[in-house]
Amino acid sequence: MNGRETDATAVLTAQPDRNRASELPYSSQIFTCWRQLKAGQVVFDRVKELPCMVIRALGAHAIVVRPGGQPWEAQLRRLSPGTEYHCRQLDALARHVAYQRRGEERPH
């Protein structure tokens, strides 16, 4: 495993940091500096229209990931703070991925 995959695995097993999630349903704020982001923070990629979690941020880019997905690099100006709604989306997706990996059916 390379360093990026190791970081992604650690973030996927972590819980989203709800203390850093905005209370608003949608945030128009964008990040201007990598220091505004922390590992495990929920953000919304406005270009891909996907909520995700930050693995690492440096310079004008951040490495983000979704549960069960491949990490990708996003420009800071594409990211906005995640909301409670985005945290719930990631929680639901993480549960779904966990059921799939165990080979179980989703509970009805």
Protein backbone atom coordinates (compact mmCIF):
# COMPACT_ATOMS: atom_id res chain seq x y z
CA MET A 1 0.00 0.00 0.00
CA ASN A 2 1.29 3.43 -0.82
CA GLY A 3 1.00 6.39 1.56
CA ARG A 4 -2.10 7.77 -0.13
CA GLU A 5 -3.98 4.43 0.15
CA THR A 6 -2.99 4.12 3.82
CA ASP A 7 -4.32 7.61 4.52
CA ALA A 8 -7.53 6.82 2.65
CA THR A 9 -8.07 3.64 4.69
CA ALA A 10 -7.60 5.53 7.94
CA VAL A 11 -10.08 8.20 6.91
CA LEU A 12 -12.64 5.67 5.71
CA THR A 13 -12.72 4.02 9.11
CA ALA A 14 -12.99 7.38 10.90
CA GLN A 15 -16.27 9.08 11.68
CA PRO A 16 -17.00 12.43 10.02
CA ASP A 17 -16.14 15.35 12.28
CA ARG A 18 -19.54 16.94 12.86
CA ASN A 19 -18.00 19.77 14.89
CA ARG A 20 -16.64 21.15 11.64
CA ALA A 21 -19.86 20.68 9.67
CA SER A 22 -21.92 23.72 8.89
CA GLU A 23 -25.50 23.80 10.19
CA LEU A 24 -26.80 25.33 6.96
CA PRO A 25 -28.32 23.05 4.29
CA TYR A 26 -25.92 24.46 1.70
CA SER A 27 -22.77 26.48 2.11
CA SER A 28 -21.64 28.96 -0.50
CA GLN A 29 -18.33 29.47 1.32
CA ILE A 30 -15.21 28.22 -0.45
CA PHE A 31 -11.83 27.40 1.01
CA THR A 32 -9.03 29.81 0.17
CA CYS A 33 -6.15 28.24 2.11
CA TRP A 34 -5.21 24.62 2.77
CA ARG A 35 -4.87 25.46 6.48
CA GLN A 36 -8.66 25.80 6.66
CA LEU A 37 -9.00 22.04 6.10
CA LYS A 38 -8.33 19.22 8.55
CA ALA A 39 -8.12 15.46 7.98
CA GLY A 40 -11.53 13.89 8.52
CA GLN A 41 -13.41 17.09 7.75
CA VAL A 42 -16.54 16.68 5.63
CA VAL A 43 -16.58 18.85 2.51
CA PHE A 44 -18.70 19.10 -0.62
CA ASP A 45 -17.07 18.92 -4.06
CA ARG A 46 -19.22 21.31 -6.09
CA VAL A 47 -17.88 20.10 -9.46
CA LYS A 48 -18.55 16.40 -8.85
CA GLU A 49 -21.56 17.28 -6.66
CA LEU A 50 -20.42 14.77 -4.02
CA PRO A 51 -19.85 15.02 -0.29
CA CYS A 52 -16.49 13.61 0.78
CA MET A 53 -13.90 13.64 3.56
CA VAL A 54 -10.51 15.31 3.48
CA ILE A 55 -7.46 13.06 3.72
CA ARG A 56 -4.84 15.75 3.31
CA ALA A 57 -4.61 19.31 2.03
CA LEU A 58 -1.57 21.16 0.78
CA GLY A 59 -1.20 24.16 -1.48
CA ALA A 60 -4.19 24.73 -3.75
CA HIS A 61 -5.35 21.10 -3.65
CA ALA A 62 -6.85 18.59 -1.23
CA ILE A 63 -6.97 14.80 -1.39
CA VAL A 64 -10.54 13.71 -0.64
CA VAL A 65 -12.30 10.35 -0.49
CA ARG A 66 -15.73 8.78 -0.15
CA PRO A 67 -16.44 5.51 1.68
CA GLY A 68 -15.53 2.63 -0.58
CA GLY A 69 -14.13 4.94 -3.22
CA GLN A 70 -10.84 5.90 -4.73
CA PRO A 71 -9.24 9.09 -3.36
CA TRP A 72 -9.11 12.02 -5.75
CA GLU A 73 -7.47 15.41 -5.85
CA ALA A 74 -9.72 18.48 -5.78
CA GLN A 75 -8.86 22.14 -6.07
CA LEU A 76 -9.68 24.10 -2.93
CA ARG A 77 -11.94 26.49 -4.81
CA ARG A 78 -14.15 23.51 -5.78
CA LEU A 79 -14.74 22.57 -2.14
CA SER A 80 -17.20 24.05 0.32
CA PRO A 81 -17.80 23.08 3.96
CA GLY A 82 -19.94 20.00 4.43
CA THR A 83 -23.33 20.28 6.10
CA GLU A 84 -25.13 17.93 8.50
CA TYR A 85 -26.96 16.60 5.45
CA HIS A 86 -23.63 15.70 3.82
CA CYS A 87 -22.51 13.95 7.04
CA ARG A 88 -25.69 11.85 7.00
CA GLN A 89 -25.11 11.00 3.33
CA LEU A 90 -21.57 9.79 4.07
CA ASP A 91 -22.78 7.79 7.10
CA ALA A 92 -25.42 6.04 4.98
CA LEU A 93 -22.93 5.32 2.21
CA ALA A 94 -20.39 3.94 4.72
CA ARG A 95 -23.05 1.58 6.14
CA HIS A 96 -23.99 0.45 2.63
CA VAL A 97 -20.36 -0.20 1.67
CA ALA A 98 -19.80 -2.15 4.92
CA TYR A 99 -22.78 -4.40 4.17
CA GLN A 100 -21.54 -4.97 0.62
CA ARG A 101 -18.04 -5.87 1.79
CA ARG A 102 -19.39 -8.38 4.28
CA GLY A 103 -21.56 -9.92 1.58
CA GLU A 104 -24.77 -9.27 3.47
CA GLU A 105 -27.98 -7.86 2.14
CA ARG A 106 -29.06 -4.41 3.14
CA PRO A 107 -31.59 -4.43 5.98
CA HIS A 108 -35.06 -3.45 4.79
